[in-house]
Each structure stands twice: as C-alpha cells, then as structure tokens.
N, C-alpha and C. Protein backbone atom coordinates (compact mmCIF):
# COMPACT_ATOMS: atom_id res chain seq x y z
N MET A 1 53.46 -119.74 124.31
CA MET A 1 53.78 -118.95 123.14
C MET A 1 52.53 -118.66 122.32
N ILE A 2 51.70 -119.68 122.10
CA ILE A 2 50.48 -119.49 121.30
C ILE A 2 49.54 -118.54 122.01
N ARG A 3 49.50 -118.60 123.35
CA ARG A 3 48.63 -117.69 124.11
C ARG A 3 49.04 -116.24 123.90
N ARG A 4 50.31 -116.00 123.73
CA ARG A 4 50.78 -114.63 123.49
C ARG A 4 50.44 -114.16 122.07
N LEU A 5 50.49 -115.07 121.10
CA LEU A 5 50.22 -114.71 119.70
C LEU A 5 48.74 -114.60 119.38
N LEU A 6 47.89 -115.29 120.12
CA LEU A 6 46.46 -115.30 119.82
C LEU A 6 45.84 -113.90 119.80
N PRO A 7 46.08 -113.05 120.81
CA PRO A 7 45.49 -111.70 120.73
C PRO A 7 45.99 -110.91 119.52
N LEU A 8 47.25 -111.08 119.16
CA LEU A 8 47.80 -110.39 117.99
C LEU A 8 47.13 -110.88 116.71
N LEU A 9 46.94 -112.19 116.58
CA LEU A 9 46.28 -112.75 115.41
C LEU A 9 44.83 -112.27 115.32
N LEU A 10 44.13 -112.23 116.43
CA LEU A 10 42.75 -111.74 116.44
C LEU A 10 42.69 -110.26 116.04
N LEU A 11 43.62 -109.49 116.53
CA LEU A 11 43.66 -108.07 116.18
C LEU A 11 43.92 -107.89 114.69
N CYS A 12 44.80 -108.69 114.10
CA CYS A 12 45.11 -108.59 112.67
C CYS A 12 43.88 -108.90 111.82
N MET A 13 43.01 -109.76 112.29
CA MET A 13 41.81 -110.10 111.52
C MET A 13 40.82 -108.93 111.48
N LEU A 14 40.91 -108.04 112.45
CA LEU A 14 39.96 -106.92 112.52
C LEU A 14 40.44 -105.67 111.81
N VAL A 15 41.72 -105.61 111.49
CA VAL A 15 42.28 -104.43 110.83
C VAL A 15 41.86 -104.40 109.37
N PRO A 16 41.25 -103.27 108.92
CA PRO A 16 40.84 -103.21 107.51
C PRO A 16 42.04 -103.17 106.56
N VAL A 17 41.83 -103.73 105.40
CA VAL A 17 42.85 -103.78 104.35
C VAL A 17 42.26 -103.14 103.11
N ARG A 18 43.04 -102.34 102.40
CA ARG A 18 42.57 -101.76 101.14
C ARG A 18 42.83 -102.76 100.02
N ALA A 19 41.74 -103.18 99.39
CA ALA A 19 41.87 -104.05 98.22
C ALA A 19 41.74 -103.17 96.99
N GLU A 20 42.69 -103.23 96.11
CA GLU A 20 42.67 -102.37 94.93
C GLU A 20 42.85 -103.20 93.66
N GLN A 21 42.15 -102.75 92.62
CA GLN A 21 42.32 -103.31 91.29
C GLN A 21 42.50 -102.15 90.34
N HIS A 22 43.17 -102.40 89.22
CA HIS A 22 43.61 -101.30 88.38
C HIS A 22 43.50 -101.68 86.90
N TRP A 23 42.96 -100.75 86.09
CA TRP A 23 42.85 -100.94 84.64
C TRP A 23 43.26 -99.64 83.96
N VAL A 24 43.63 -99.74 82.67
CA VAL A 24 44.07 -98.57 81.90
C VAL A 24 43.25 -98.47 80.61
N VAL A 25 42.76 -97.27 80.34
CA VAL A 25 42.13 -96.96 79.05
C VAL A 25 43.09 -96.00 78.35
N ASP A 26 43.60 -96.41 77.19
CA ASP A 26 44.57 -95.54 76.51
C ASP A 26 43.87 -94.54 75.59
N ALA A 27 44.63 -93.55 75.17
CA ALA A 27 44.09 -92.45 74.37
C ALA A 27 43.48 -92.96 73.07
N GLU A 28 44.11 -93.93 72.45
CA GLU A 28 43.61 -94.44 71.17
C GLU A 28 42.20 -95.00 71.32
N ALA A 29 41.95 -95.71 72.40
CA ALA A 29 40.62 -96.28 72.63
C ALA A 29 39.61 -95.20 73.00
N TRP A 30 40.02 -94.23 73.82
CA TRP A 30 39.07 -93.22 74.31
C TRP A 30 38.79 -92.13 73.30
N ASP A 31 39.72 -91.85 72.40
CA ASP A 31 39.57 -90.72 71.47
C ASP A 31 38.67 -91.03 70.27
N ARG A 32 38.12 -92.22 70.19
CA ARG A 32 37.17 -92.53 69.12
C ARG A 32 35.84 -91.85 69.42
N PRO A 33 35.01 -91.65 68.41
CA PRO A 33 33.68 -91.08 68.69
C PRO A 33 32.95 -91.97 69.69
N ARG A 34 32.37 -91.34 70.70
CA ARG A 34 31.79 -92.10 71.79
C ARG A 34 30.29 -92.29 71.64
N SER A 35 29.88 -93.49 72.03
CA SER A 35 28.47 -93.85 72.11
C SER A 35 28.38 -94.83 73.27
N ALA A 36 27.17 -95.14 73.69
CA ALA A 36 27.01 -96.11 74.78
C ALA A 36 27.63 -97.44 74.38
N ARG A 37 27.44 -97.85 73.14
CA ARG A 37 28.01 -99.12 72.67
C ARG A 37 29.53 -99.10 72.73
N MET A 38 30.13 -97.99 72.30
CA MET A 38 31.59 -97.88 72.32
C MET A 38 32.11 -97.92 73.76
N VAL A 39 31.47 -97.16 74.65
CA VAL A 39 31.92 -97.11 76.04
C VAL A 39 31.78 -98.49 76.69
N LEU A 40 30.65 -99.13 76.48
CA LEU A 40 30.44 -100.46 77.05
C LEU A 40 31.35 -101.52 76.42
N GLY A 41 31.84 -101.23 75.23
CA GLY A 41 32.72 -102.16 74.53
C GLY A 41 34.17 -102.12 74.99
N LEU A 42 34.54 -101.12 75.78
CA LEU A 42 35.92 -101.03 76.27
C LEU A 42 36.13 -102.05 77.40
N GLU A 43 36.97 -103.02 77.14
CA GLU A 43 37.20 -104.10 78.10
C GLU A 43 37.61 -103.60 79.49
N PRO A 44 38.57 -102.64 79.60
CA PRO A 44 38.94 -102.18 80.93
C PRO A 44 37.76 -101.57 81.69
N LEU A 45 36.89 -100.87 80.97
CA LEU A 45 35.72 -100.27 81.60
C LEU A 45 34.74 -101.33 82.09
N ARG A 46 34.51 -102.34 81.24
CA ARG A 46 33.61 -103.44 81.64
C ARG A 46 34.12 -104.14 82.89
N GLU A 47 35.43 -104.40 82.91
CA GLU A 47 36.01 -105.09 84.06
C GLU A 47 35.92 -104.23 85.32
N ALA A 48 36.20 -102.94 85.19
CA ALA A 48 36.13 -102.04 86.35
C ALA A 48 34.71 -101.95 86.89
N VAL A 49 33.73 -101.82 86.01
CA VAL A 49 32.33 -101.73 86.44
C VAL A 49 31.89 -103.06 87.05
N ARG A 50 32.32 -104.15 86.49
CA ARG A 50 31.99 -105.46 87.05
C ARG A 50 32.53 -105.55 88.48
N GLY A 51 33.77 -105.15 88.68
CA GLY A 51 34.35 -105.15 90.02
C GLY A 51 33.61 -104.24 90.97
N LEU A 52 33.22 -103.08 90.49
CA LEU A 52 32.48 -102.12 91.31
C LEU A 52 31.15 -102.72 91.76
N MET A 53 30.46 -103.41 90.86
CA MET A 53 29.17 -104.00 91.19
C MET A 53 29.31 -105.19 92.14
N LEU A 54 30.43 -105.91 92.04
CA LEU A 54 30.62 -107.08 92.89
C LEU A 54 31.09 -106.74 94.30
N LEU A 55 31.60 -105.53 94.48
CA LEU A 55 32.12 -105.13 95.79
C LEU A 55 31.30 -103.99 96.38
N PRO A 56 30.23 -104.30 97.10
CA PRO A 56 29.46 -103.22 97.74
C PRO A 56 30.38 -102.39 98.63
N GLY A 57 30.18 -101.10 98.61
CA GLY A 57 31.02 -100.22 99.42
C GLY A 57 32.29 -99.79 98.72
N SER A 58 32.56 -100.34 97.54
CA SER A 58 33.76 -99.93 96.81
C SER A 58 33.48 -98.65 96.04
N ARG A 59 34.53 -98.05 95.54
CA ARG A 59 34.38 -96.87 94.69
C ARG A 59 35.40 -96.95 93.56
N LEU A 60 35.10 -96.22 92.50
CA LEU A 60 35.97 -96.22 91.33
C LEU A 60 36.64 -94.87 91.22
N GLU A 61 37.97 -94.87 91.23
CA GLU A 61 38.72 -93.65 90.99
C GLU A 61 39.08 -93.60 89.51
N ILE A 62 38.76 -92.50 88.87
CA ILE A 62 39.19 -92.26 87.50
C ILE A 62 40.41 -91.35 87.60
N ARG A 63 41.58 -91.93 87.42
CA ARG A 63 42.83 -91.21 87.59
C ARG A 63 43.31 -90.69 86.24
N HIS A 64 43.67 -89.42 86.20
CA HIS A 64 44.06 -88.78 84.94
C HIS A 64 45.28 -87.91 85.15
N ALA A 65 45.91 -87.51 84.05
CA ALA A 65 47.18 -86.77 84.10
C ALA A 65 47.01 -85.33 84.58
N GLY A 66 45.81 -84.86 84.69
CA GLY A 66 45.60 -83.48 85.10
C GLY A 66 45.57 -82.57 83.89
N GLY A 67 45.59 -81.29 84.13
CA GLY A 67 45.50 -80.33 83.04
C GLY A 67 44.10 -80.36 82.44
N GLU A 68 43.88 -79.50 81.48
CA GLU A 68 42.55 -79.36 80.88
C GLU A 68 42.11 -80.64 80.16
N THR A 69 43.00 -81.21 79.35
CA THR A 69 42.63 -82.40 78.58
C THR A 69 42.33 -83.58 79.49
N GLY A 70 43.22 -83.86 80.42
CA GLY A 70 43.01 -84.98 81.34
C GLY A 70 41.75 -84.83 82.17
N SER A 71 41.52 -83.61 82.66
CA SER A 71 40.32 -83.35 83.47
C SER A 71 39.05 -83.54 82.66
N LEU A 72 39.08 -83.05 81.41
CA LEU A 72 37.90 -83.20 80.55
C LEU A 72 37.63 -84.67 80.21
N GLN A 73 38.68 -85.42 79.91
CA GLN A 73 38.50 -86.84 79.61
C GLN A 73 37.92 -87.59 80.81
N ALA A 74 38.47 -87.34 81.98
CA ALA A 74 38.00 -88.01 83.20
C ALA A 74 36.55 -87.62 83.51
N SER A 75 36.23 -86.34 83.36
CA SER A 75 34.86 -85.89 83.63
C SER A 75 33.87 -86.49 82.63
N GLU A 76 34.29 -86.58 81.38
CA GLU A 76 33.42 -87.17 80.37
C GLU A 76 33.19 -88.65 80.65
N LEU A 77 34.24 -89.36 81.03
CA LEU A 77 34.09 -90.78 81.37
C LEU A 77 33.17 -90.94 82.58
N ARG A 78 33.34 -90.10 83.57
CA ARG A 78 32.47 -90.15 84.75
C ARG A 78 31.01 -89.91 84.34
N ASP A 79 30.78 -88.92 83.49
CA ASP A 79 29.42 -88.64 83.01
C ASP A 79 28.82 -89.83 82.27
N TRP A 80 29.63 -90.50 81.44
CA TRP A 80 29.15 -91.68 80.73
C TRP A 80 28.74 -92.77 81.71
N LEU A 81 29.58 -93.01 82.70
CA LEU A 81 29.28 -94.06 83.68
C LEU A 81 28.00 -93.74 84.47
N ILE A 82 27.84 -92.50 84.84
CA ILE A 82 26.62 -92.09 85.55
C ILE A 82 25.41 -92.26 84.63
N GLY A 83 25.56 -91.85 83.36
CA GLY A 83 24.48 -92.00 82.39
C GLY A 83 24.10 -93.46 82.15
N LEU A 84 25.06 -94.36 82.36
CA LEU A 84 24.80 -95.78 82.18
C LEU A 84 24.32 -96.45 83.48
N GLY A 85 24.09 -95.64 84.52
CA GLY A 85 23.47 -96.17 85.72
C GLY A 85 24.35 -96.37 86.94
N ILE A 86 25.60 -95.95 86.89
CA ILE A 86 26.48 -96.09 88.05
C ILE A 86 26.20 -94.93 89.02
N ASP A 87 26.11 -95.25 90.30
CA ASP A 87 25.87 -94.26 91.35
C ASP A 87 27.01 -93.23 91.36
N PRO A 88 26.69 -91.95 91.18
CA PRO A 88 27.76 -90.93 91.13
C PRO A 88 28.58 -90.84 92.41
N ASP A 89 28.01 -91.24 93.54
CA ASP A 89 28.76 -91.20 94.80
C ASP A 89 29.87 -92.24 94.85
N ARG A 90 29.86 -93.17 93.90
CA ARG A 90 30.86 -94.23 93.90
C ARG A 90 31.95 -93.98 92.86
N ILE A 91 31.94 -92.80 92.22
CA ILE A 91 32.92 -92.48 91.19
C ILE A 91 33.60 -91.16 91.54
N GLU A 92 34.91 -91.15 91.47
CA GLU A 92 35.67 -89.94 91.78
C GLU A 92 36.76 -89.74 90.74
N THR A 93 36.92 -88.51 90.25
CA THR A 93 38.04 -88.21 89.35
C THR A 93 39.20 -87.69 90.19
N VAL A 94 40.40 -88.17 89.87
CA VAL A 94 41.57 -87.85 90.68
C VAL A 94 42.75 -87.56 89.77
N PRO A 95 43.35 -86.35 89.86
CA PRO A 95 44.60 -86.12 89.14
C PRO A 95 45.69 -87.00 89.74
N ALA A 96 46.49 -87.62 88.88
CA ALA A 96 47.51 -88.55 89.36
C ALA A 96 48.67 -88.58 88.37
N PRO A 97 49.78 -89.12 88.79
CA PRO A 97 50.93 -89.20 87.88
C PRO A 97 50.78 -90.36 86.88
N VAL A 98 49.87 -90.17 85.93
CA VAL A 98 49.67 -91.17 84.87
C VAL A 98 50.16 -90.57 83.56
N PRO A 99 50.57 -91.39 82.61
CA PRO A 99 51.03 -90.87 81.32
C PRO A 99 49.91 -90.07 80.63
N ARG A 100 50.29 -89.00 79.98
CA ARG A 100 49.31 -88.19 79.24
C ARG A 100 48.59 -89.07 78.23
N GLY A 101 47.30 -88.85 78.13
CA GLY A 101 46.51 -89.61 77.18
C GLY A 101 45.94 -90.90 77.75
N GLN A 102 46.38 -91.27 78.94
CA GLN A 102 45.84 -92.47 79.57
C GLN A 102 44.89 -92.10 80.69
N ILE A 103 43.93 -92.96 80.90
CA ILE A 103 43.04 -92.85 82.05
C ILE A 103 43.18 -94.16 82.81
N GLU A 104 43.47 -94.06 84.08
CA GLU A 104 43.56 -95.25 84.91
C GLU A 104 42.28 -95.37 85.73
N LEU A 105 41.79 -96.58 85.83
CA LEU A 105 40.63 -96.87 86.65
C LEU A 105 41.11 -97.67 87.84
N GLN A 106 40.87 -97.16 89.00
CA GLN A 106 41.34 -97.80 90.23
C GLN A 106 40.12 -98.13 91.08
N LEU A 107 39.89 -99.40 91.30
CA LEU A 107 38.80 -99.85 92.16
C LEU A 107 39.33 -99.92 93.56
N VAL A 108 38.71 -99.19 94.47
CA VAL A 108 39.18 -99.14 95.85
C VAL A 108 38.07 -99.61 96.76
N SER A 109 38.41 -100.55 97.61
CA SER A 109 37.43 -101.09 98.55
C SER A 109 38.07 -101.27 99.90
N LEU A 110 37.34 -100.99 100.93
CA LEU A 110 37.82 -101.22 102.28
C LEU A 110 37.19 -102.53 102.74
N VAL A 111 38.01 -103.56 102.89
CA VAL A 111 37.51 -104.88 103.30
C VAL A 111 38.28 -105.35 104.51
N SER A 112 37.67 -106.20 105.30
CA SER A 112 38.40 -106.76 106.43
C SER A 112 39.26 -107.90 105.92
N GLU A 113 40.27 -108.27 106.65
CA GLU A 113 41.19 -109.30 106.22
C GLU A 113 40.49 -110.64 106.05
N GLU A 114 39.44 -110.91 106.83
CA GLU A 114 38.75 -112.18 106.69
C GLU A 114 37.97 -112.25 105.38
N ASP A 115 37.63 -111.09 104.77
CA ASP A 115 36.96 -111.06 103.47
C ASP A 115 37.95 -111.17 102.33
N ALA A 116 39.21 -110.76 102.59
CA ALA A 116 40.23 -110.73 101.54
C ALA A 116 40.78 -112.09 101.23
C-alpha cells in the first residue's frame, strides 16, 4: 500500500501552490493628504511590502473597485510604492469586486509545497 502511495506523495510535493496574503486600505485612510510619511505609516501597506520583500518572486496586486476613482487610487498607490523603491514589475493594479473606496492588497507568490 505504501509503495502505491509514495509516487503520489512525491508528485504532490512538486506541485506548486499559490500562497496569498491579503490586506485592506480603506477610503478614510487613503483620502488623507499623502506624503511618504503618511504612506509608510499605513499598517496594511507596511505589512504588504514586508511580505513582498520576504518572498522573492512574489508580486503585489492592488485590487480596486474599477471606474475612474478606483483606477486613479490604485495607480496613485502603485506610483507611491515605485517611488519608495519597489520594483514596478512586482506591482499590478487589478479591477476586482471590492467595495467602493477600498483598496485591497493581495500578495501572490508561487511556492512549492515543501516551502509552504
């Protein structure tokens, strides 16, 4: 029985798994006048960037409600992150079904099961 399960177990270890983490920046926090200090002071942003730095090969999705306002907020946040030194290739803005006025930060990484 174990001989039959061993190849299956080995195969499962090689299959990549998506590891995701998620944070929310609400409108009240984002709609204040922005500066580097203010942006760096947002706890969800600090946590998301920390995760991004700790997971090589990961990327950060900035998920927004869409429309002009959501797109502008997400683009502005992306610009701030790039201005603060984050590689632009690791940041993507994505329209998603999120409540208006919120920005969701989704850390996406492709890791093997043995790393998870």
